[in-house]
Amino acid sequence: MREPVVVVDSDKNQCLELCGLLEAEHYKTTAFHSLANLEGAICKNGCQIILVDLDTLPVDNRLFRDIKKKNPAVRIIGISSRPFHPELQEAMSKHIYVNLSKPVDADELIYWLRSICENNPDTRGSSDTQE
């Protein structure tokens, strides 16, 4: 099993689709449809990767700043139909590892997840290196 990933998306169908894609690649997923219990999930699961839909959730710079302050090793992947969010300029430049465009390209997502796991010493030991 690869690194656990939290998927946060208020669109339940899209969330299930992303979880299915990740589970097919042997990532353990936890799905949330709101931001309400995200902090608890990060602590409970020891999760180091979060996928966040920037279009369907009420996100702001403060949210990402707080997540990174409490969990510096967490890597945040944004998913959005827009390449730039002026209201999230700080988050995009300091806290969000990468922003993927919708619809999510499976190969691109897996590439970034593997990149995170290979480059993060906290996740290397838990990654499954089998292809």
N, C-alpha and C. Protein backbone atom coordinates (compact mmCIF):
# COMPACT_ATOMS: atom_id res chain seq x y z
N MET A 1 0.85 -1.18 0.00
CA MET A 1 0.00 0.00 0.00
C MET A 1 0.89 1.24 0.00
N ARG A 2 0.53 2.20 -0.80
CA ARG A 2 1.27 3.45 -0.89
C ARG A 2 0.79 4.44 0.18
N GLU A 3 1.37 5.61 0.14
CA GLU A 3 1.06 6.70 1.06
C GLU A 3 -0.44 6.98 1.13
N PRO A 4 -1.00 7.20 2.34
CA PRO A 4 -2.41 7.57 2.44
C PRO A 4 -2.66 8.98 1.89
N VAL A 5 -3.80 9.14 1.23
CA VAL A 5 -4.17 10.41 0.62
C VAL A 5 -5.57 10.78 1.08
N VAL A 6 -5.73 12.02 1.53
CA VAL A 6 -7.05 12.54 1.86
C VAL A 6 -7.56 13.30 0.65
N VAL A 7 -8.77 12.98 0.22
CA VAL A 7 -9.40 13.66 -0.91
C VAL A 7 -10.56 14.48 -0.35
N VAL A 8 -10.52 15.81 -0.58
CA VAL A 8 -11.57 16.69 -0.08
C VAL A 8 -12.24 17.35 -1.27
N ASP A 9 -13.51 17.00 -1.47
CA ASP A 9 -14.26 17.50 -2.62
C ASP A 9 -15.74 17.44 -2.29
N SER A 10 -16.44 18.55 -2.41
CA SER A 10 -17.87 18.54 -2.08
C SER A 10 -18.71 17.86 -3.16
N ASP A 11 -18.14 17.66 -4.34
CA ASP A 11 -18.82 16.92 -5.40
C ASP A 11 -18.56 15.43 -5.14
N LYS A 12 -19.56 14.74 -4.61
CA LYS A 12 -19.39 13.35 -4.18
C LYS A 12 -18.98 12.43 -5.31
N ASN A 13 -19.55 12.61 -6.50
CA ASN A 13 -19.18 11.75 -7.63
C ASN A 13 -17.72 11.94 -8.03
N GLN A 14 -17.30 13.19 -8.10
CA GLN A 14 -15.91 13.48 -8.45
C GLN A 14 -14.97 12.93 -7.38
N CYS A 15 -15.36 13.06 -6.12
CA CYS A 15 -14.56 12.56 -5.01
C CYS A 15 -14.40 11.04 -5.11
N LEU A 16 -15.49 10.35 -5.36
CA LEU A 16 -15.45 8.89 -5.50
C LEU A 16 -14.58 8.47 -6.69
N GLU A 17 -14.67 9.22 -7.76
CA GLU A 17 -13.87 8.93 -8.95
C GLU A 17 -12.37 9.07 -8.64
N LEU A 18 -12.00 10.16 -7.95
CA LEU A 18 -10.60 10.35 -7.58
C LEU A 18 -10.12 9.26 -6.63
N CYS A 19 -10.94 8.91 -5.66
CA CYS A 19 -10.57 7.85 -4.72
C CYS A 19 -10.39 6.52 -5.45
N GLY A 20 -11.28 6.22 -6.37
CA GLY A 20 -11.17 4.99 -7.15
C GLY A 20 -9.89 4.95 -7.96
N LEU A 21 -9.56 6.06 -8.58
CA LEU A 21 -8.33 6.15 -9.37
C LEU A 21 -7.11 5.91 -8.49
N LEU A 22 -7.10 6.53 -7.31
CA LEU A 22 -5.96 6.38 -6.40
C LEU A 22 -5.87 4.97 -5.83
N GLU A 23 -7.01 4.40 -5.48
CA GLU A 23 -7.00 3.05 -4.93
C GLU A 23 -6.55 2.02 -5.97
N ALA A 24 -6.86 2.27 -7.23
CA ALA A 24 -6.38 1.38 -8.30
C ALA A 24 -4.85 1.41 -8.39
N GLU A 25 -4.25 2.51 -7.94
CA GLU A 25 -2.79 2.64 -7.91
C GLU A 25 -2.22 2.30 -6.53
N HIS A 26 -3.04 1.71 -5.67
CA HIS A 26 -2.65 1.23 -4.35
C HIS A 26 -2.39 2.32 -3.32
N TYR A 27 -3.06 3.45 -3.47
CA TYR A 27 -3.01 4.49 -2.44
C TYR A 27 -4.22 4.29 -1.54
N LYS A 28 -4.02 4.40 -0.25
CA LYS A 28 -5.12 4.34 0.70
C LYS A 28 -5.76 5.73 0.71
N THR A 29 -7.08 5.80 0.53
CA THR A 29 -7.74 7.10 0.47
C THR A 29 -8.75 7.27 1.60
N THR A 30 -8.94 8.52 1.98
CA THR A 30 -10.00 8.92 2.89
C THR A 30 -10.71 10.07 2.22
N ALA A 31 -12.03 9.96 2.07
CA ALA A 31 -12.81 10.98 1.37
C ALA A 31 -13.55 11.88 2.35
N PHE A 32 -13.54 13.16 2.05
CA PHE A 32 -14.33 14.15 2.79
C PHE A 32 -15.05 15.02 1.78
N HIS A 33 -16.26 15.42 2.15
CA HIS A 33 -17.05 16.27 1.27
C HIS A 33 -17.16 17.69 1.81
N SER A 34 -16.46 17.94 2.91
CA SER A 34 -16.38 19.29 3.48
C SER A 34 -15.05 19.41 4.21
N LEU A 35 -14.75 20.61 4.66
CA LEU A 35 -13.49 20.86 5.36
C LEU A 35 -13.62 20.63 6.87
N ALA A 36 -14.82 20.29 7.33
CA ALA A 36 -15.13 20.22 8.76
C ALA A 36 -14.17 19.34 9.56
N ASN A 37 -13.87 18.14 9.11
CA ASN A 37 -13.05 17.22 9.89
C ASN A 37 -11.67 16.98 9.30
N LEU A 38 -11.25 17.87 8.43
CA LEU A 38 -9.98 17.68 7.73
C LEU A 38 -8.79 17.62 8.69
N GLU A 39 -8.70 18.55 9.61
CA GLU A 39 -7.59 18.60 10.54
C GLU A 39 -7.48 17.31 11.35
N GLY A 40 -8.61 16.81 11.82
CA GLY A 40 -8.61 15.56 12.57
C GLY A 40 -8.14 14.39 11.73
N ALA A 41 -8.52 14.37 10.46
CA ALA A 41 -8.13 13.28 9.57
C ALA A 41 -6.63 13.29 9.32
N ILE A 42 -6.06 14.47 9.21
CA ILE A 42 -4.62 14.56 8.98
C ILE A 42 -3.88 13.96 10.18
N CYS A 43 -4.29 14.34 11.37
CA CYS A 43 -3.64 13.84 12.58
C CYS A 43 -3.89 12.35 12.78
N LYS A 44 -5.13 11.93 12.63
CA LYS A 44 -5.52 10.54 12.88
C LYS A 44 -4.84 9.57 11.92
N ASN A 45 -4.84 9.90 10.63
CA ASN A 45 -4.32 9.01 9.61
C ASN A 45 -2.83 9.18 9.36
N GLY A 46 -2.23 10.19 9.95
CA GLY A 46 -0.83 10.46 9.65
C GLY A 46 -0.63 10.80 8.19
N CYS A 47 -1.66 11.36 7.60
CA CYS A 47 -1.65 11.64 6.17
C CYS A 47 -0.68 12.76 5.84
N GLN A 48 0.04 12.58 4.74
CA GLN A 48 1.00 13.59 4.30
C GLN A 48 0.62 14.21 2.96
N ILE A 49 -0.47 13.72 2.35
CA ILE A 49 -0.91 14.25 1.05
C ILE A 49 -2.40 14.53 1.10
N ILE A 50 -2.77 15.73 0.67
CA ILE A 50 -4.18 16.12 0.62
C ILE A 50 -4.50 16.63 -0.77
N LEU A 51 -5.57 16.10 -1.37
CA LEU A 51 -6.11 16.61 -2.63
C LEU A 51 -7.31 17.46 -2.28
N VAL A 52 -7.31 18.72 -2.70
CA VAL A 52 -8.39 19.65 -2.36
C VAL A 52 -8.96 20.27 -3.63
N ASP A 53 -10.28 20.15 -3.77
CA ASP A 53 -10.95 20.80 -4.90
C ASP A 53 -11.12 22.28 -4.55
N LEU A 54 -10.43 23.13 -5.25
CA LEU A 54 -10.46 24.57 -4.97
C LEU A 54 -11.73 25.23 -5.49
N ASP A 55 -12.46 24.54 -6.37
CA ASP A 55 -13.67 25.12 -6.96
C ASP A 55 -14.92 24.88 -6.12
N THR A 56 -14.98 23.76 -5.42
CA THR A 56 -16.23 23.38 -4.75
C THR A 56 -16.22 23.60 -3.25
N LEU A 57 -15.08 24.01 -2.70
CA LEU A 57 -14.97 24.18 -1.25
C LEU A 57 -14.66 25.64 -0.90
N PRO A 58 -15.11 26.08 0.27
CA PRO A 58 -14.84 27.47 0.70
C PRO A 58 -13.43 27.60 1.29
N VAL A 59 -12.44 27.59 0.42
CA VAL A 59 -11.04 27.65 0.86
C VAL A 59 -10.53 29.08 0.81
N ASP A 60 -9.54 29.35 1.67
CA ASP A 60 -8.88 30.65 1.65
C ASP A 60 -7.43 30.46 2.10
N ASN A 61 -6.66 31.53 2.00
CA ASN A 61 -5.24 31.47 2.36
C ASN A 61 -5.04 31.01 3.80
N ARG A 62 -5.89 31.47 4.68
CA ARG A 62 -5.76 31.13 6.10
C ARG A 62 -5.88 29.63 6.34
N LEU A 63 -6.81 28.98 5.65
CA LEU A 63 -6.98 27.53 5.79
C LEU A 63 -5.67 26.81 5.48
N PHE A 64 -5.08 27.13 4.34
CA PHE A 64 -3.84 26.46 3.93
C PHE A 64 -2.67 26.83 4.84
N ARG A 65 -2.62 28.07 5.28
CA ARG A 65 -1.58 28.51 6.20
C ARG A 65 -1.67 27.71 7.51
N ASP A 66 -2.90 27.56 8.04
CA ASP A 66 -3.10 26.81 9.28
C ASP A 66 -2.75 25.33 9.13
N ILE A 67 -3.15 24.73 8.02
CA ILE A 67 -2.82 23.32 7.78
C ILE A 67 -1.31 23.13 7.78
N LYS A 68 -0.60 23.97 7.05
CA LYS A 68 0.85 23.83 6.95
C LYS A 68 1.56 24.17 8.27
N LYS A 69 1.00 25.11 9.02
CA LYS A 69 1.60 25.48 10.30
C LYS A 69 1.53 24.30 11.28
N LYS A 70 0.38 23.62 11.31
CA LYS A 70 0.19 22.50 12.22
C LYS A 70 0.80 21.20 11.70
N ASN A 71 0.95 21.11 10.37
CA ASN A 71 1.45 19.88 9.73
C ASN A 71 2.42 20.25 8.62
N PRO A 72 3.62 20.68 8.96
CA PRO A 72 4.55 21.17 7.94
C PRO A 72 4.90 20.17 6.84
N ALA A 73 4.83 18.88 7.14
CA ALA A 73 5.20 17.87 6.15
C ALA A 73 4.09 17.57 5.15
N VAL A 74 2.89 18.06 5.40
CA VAL A 74 1.75 17.79 4.52
C VAL A 74 1.98 18.46 3.17
N ARG A 75 1.68 17.72 2.10
CA ARG A 75 1.74 18.27 0.75
C ARG A 75 0.30 18.40 0.25
N ILE A 76 -0.02 19.58 -0.23
CA ILE A 76 -1.38 19.88 -0.69
C ILE A 76 -1.37 19.95 -2.21
N ILE A 77 -2.27 19.20 -2.82
CA ILE A 77 -2.47 19.25 -4.26
C ILE A 77 -3.84 19.88 -4.50
N GLY A 78 -3.87 20.98 -5.21
CA GLY A 78 -5.12 21.63 -5.56
C GLY A 78 -5.65 21.07 -6.87
N ILE A 79 -6.97 21.06 -6.99
CA ILE A 79 -7.62 20.65 -8.23
C ILE A 79 -8.60 21.75 -8.57
N SER A 80 -8.53 22.26 -9.80
CA SER A 80 -9.38 23.39 -10.15
C SER A 80 -9.57 23.50 -11.66
N SER A 81 -10.68 24.09 -12.04
CA SER A 81 -10.93 24.36 -13.46
C SER A 81 -10.22 25.64 -13.89
N ARG A 82 -9.72 26.41 -12.90
CA ARG A 82 -9.01 27.65 -13.21
C ARG A 82 -7.52 27.49 -12.90
N PRO A 83 -6.65 27.99 -13.78
CA PRO A 83 -5.21 27.87 -13.53
C PRO A 83 -4.72 28.83 -12.45
N PHE A 84 -5.45 29.90 -12.20
CA PHE A 84 -5.01 30.89 -11.23
C PHE A 84 -6.18 31.34 -10.38
N HIS A 85 -5.93 31.47 -9.09
CA HIS A 85 -6.93 31.95 -8.13
C HIS A 85 -6.33 33.17 -7.43
N PRO A 86 -6.67 34.37 -7.89
CA PRO A 86 -6.07 35.56 -7.27
C PRO A 86 -6.30 35.64 -5.77
N GLU A 87 -7.43 35.12 -5.31
CA GLU A 87 -7.75 35.15 -3.89
C GLU A 87 -6.90 34.15 -3.09
N LEU A 88 -6.22 33.26 -3.78
CA LEU A 88 -5.37 32.25 -3.13
C LEU A 88 -3.89 32.42 -3.49
N GLN A 89 -3.51 33.64 -3.80
CA GLN A 89 -2.14 33.89 -4.24
C GLN A 89 -1.11 33.39 -3.23
N GLU A 90 -1.30 33.69 -1.95
CA GLU A 90 -0.36 33.23 -0.92
C GLU A 90 -0.32 31.70 -0.87
N ALA A 91 -1.48 31.09 -0.84
CA ALA A 91 -1.56 29.62 -0.77
C ALA A 91 -0.90 28.97 -1.98
N MET A 92 -1.14 29.53 -3.15
CA MET A 92 -0.57 28.96 -4.38
C MET A 92 0.96 29.07 -4.38
N SER A 93 1.48 30.14 -3.86
CA SER A 93 2.92 30.34 -3.92
C SER A 93 3.66 29.68 -2.76
N LYS A 94 3.00 29.48 -1.61
CA LYS A 94 3.71 28.97 -0.43
C LYS A 94 3.23 27.62 0.08
N HIS A 95 1.96 27.28 -0.10
CA HIS A 95 1.42 26.12 0.60
C HIS A 95 0.91 25.00 -0.31
N ILE A 96 0.50 25.33 -1.51
CA ILE A 96 -0.02 24.31 -2.43
C ILE A 96 1.12 23.82 -3.30
N TYR A 97 1.37 22.52 -3.24
CA TYR A 97 2.49 21.90 -3.94
C TYR A 97 2.32 22.01 -5.45
N VAL A 98 1.12 21.70 -5.93
CA VAL A 98 0.81 21.79 -7.35
C VAL A 98 -0.70 21.96 -7.50
N ASN A 99 -1.12 22.63 -8.57
CA ASN A 99 -2.54 22.78 -8.87
C ASN A 99 -2.81 22.08 -10.20
N LEU A 100 -3.63 21.02 -10.14
CA LEU A 100 -3.96 20.26 -11.34
C LEU A 100 -5.28 20.75 -11.92
N SER A 101 -5.36 20.73 -13.24
CA SER A 101 -6.58 21.21 -13.88
C SER A 101 -7.61 20.10 -14.02
N LYS A 102 -8.86 20.52 -14.01
CA LYS A 102 -9.98 19.60 -14.22
C LYS A 102 -10.25 19.48 -15.70
N PRO A 103 -10.68 18.34 -16.17
CA PRO A 103 -10.73 17.07 -15.44
C PRO A 103 -9.31 16.58 -15.18
N VAL A 104 -9.15 15.93 -14.04
CA VAL A 104 -7.82 15.48 -13.62
C VAL A 104 -7.32 14.38 -14.54
N ASP A 105 -6.12 14.58 -15.04
CA ASP A 105 -5.45 13.57 -15.86
C ASP A 105 -4.82 12.56 -14.89
N ALA A 106 -5.23 11.31 -14.98
CA ALA A 106 -4.78 10.27 -14.06
C ALA A 106 -3.26 10.14 -14.05
N ASP A 107 -2.65 10.15 -15.21
CA ASP A 107 -1.19 10.01 -15.29
C ASP A 107 -0.47 11.17 -14.61
N GLU A 108 -1.00 12.37 -14.81
CA GLU A 108 -0.39 13.55 -14.19
C GLU A 108 -0.51 13.48 -12.66
N LEU A 109 -1.68 13.09 -12.18
CA LEU A 109 -1.88 12.98 -10.73
C LEU A 109 -0.93 11.95 -10.13
N ILE A 110 -0.83 10.79 -10.74
CA ILE A 110 0.05 9.74 -10.23
C ILE A 110 1.51 10.20 -10.29
N TYR A 111 1.89 10.91 -11.34
CA TYR A 111 3.24 11.46 -11.44
C TYR A 111 3.55 12.35 -10.23
N TRP A 112 2.64 13.27 -9.91
CA TRP A 112 2.87 14.19 -8.80
C TRP A 112 2.88 13.47 -7.46
N LEU A 113 2.02 12.49 -7.29
CA LEU A 113 2.02 11.73 -6.04
C LEU A 113 3.34 10.98 -5.86
N ARG A 114 3.81 10.36 -6.91
CA ARG A 114 5.08 9.64 -6.82
C ARG A 114 6.23 10.61 -6.55
N SER A 115 6.17 11.77 -7.19
CA SER A 115 7.19 12.79 -6.97
C SER A 115 7.22 13.23 -5.51
N ILE A 116 6.06 13.44 -4.95
CA ILE A 116 5.96 13.84 -3.54
C ILE A 116 6.55 12.76 -2.65
N CYS A 117 6.16 11.53 -2.88
CA CYS A 117 6.63 10.42 -2.04
C CYS A 117 8.14 10.21 -2.16
N GLU A 118 8.67 10.35 -3.36
CA GLU A 118 10.10 10.15 -3.57
C GLU A 118 10.94 11.28 -2.99
N ASN A 119 10.39 12.50 -2.97
CA ASN A 119 11.15 13.66 -2.52
C ASN A 119 10.90 14.04 -1.07
N ASN A 120 9.98 13.36 -0.40
CA ASN A 120 9.67 13.68 0.97
C ASN A 120 10.21 12.56 1.87
N PRO A 121 11.24 12.85 2.68
CA PRO A 121 11.83 11.80 3.50
C PRO A 121 10.83 11.17 4.47
N ASP A 122 9.79 11.89 4.86
CA ASP A 122 8.80 11.35 5.77
C ASP A 122 7.92 10.31 5.11
N THR A 123 7.82 10.31 3.77
CA THR A 123 6.94 9.36 3.09
C THR A 123 7.70 8.26 2.38
N ARG A 124 9.00 8.40 2.22
CA ARG A 124 9.76 7.40 1.46
C ARG A 124 9.64 6.01 2.05
N GLY A 125 9.72 5.90 3.34
CA GLY A 125 9.67 4.59 3.98
C GLY A 125 8.33 3.91 3.84
N SER A 126 7.25 4.67 3.66
CA SER A 126 5.92 4.06 3.59
C SER A 126 5.46 3.84 2.16
N SER A 127 6.25 4.26 1.19
CA SER A 127 5.84 4.08 -0.21
C SER A 127 6.12 2.67 -0.66
N ASP A 128 5.24 2.17 -1.45
CA ASP A 128 5.41 0.87 -2.08
C ASP A 128 6.15 1.12 -3.37
N THR A 129 7.32 0.56 -3.53
CA THR A 129 8.12 0.86 -4.71
C THR A 129 7.84 -0.05 -5.88
N GLN A 130 6.92 -0.97 -5.74
CA GLN A 130 6.58 -1.83 -6.85
C GLN A 130 5.75 -1.07 -7.85
N GLU A 131 5.96 -1.36 -9.11
CA GLU A 131 5.19 -0.72 -10.19
C GLU A 131 4.07 -1.59 -10.63
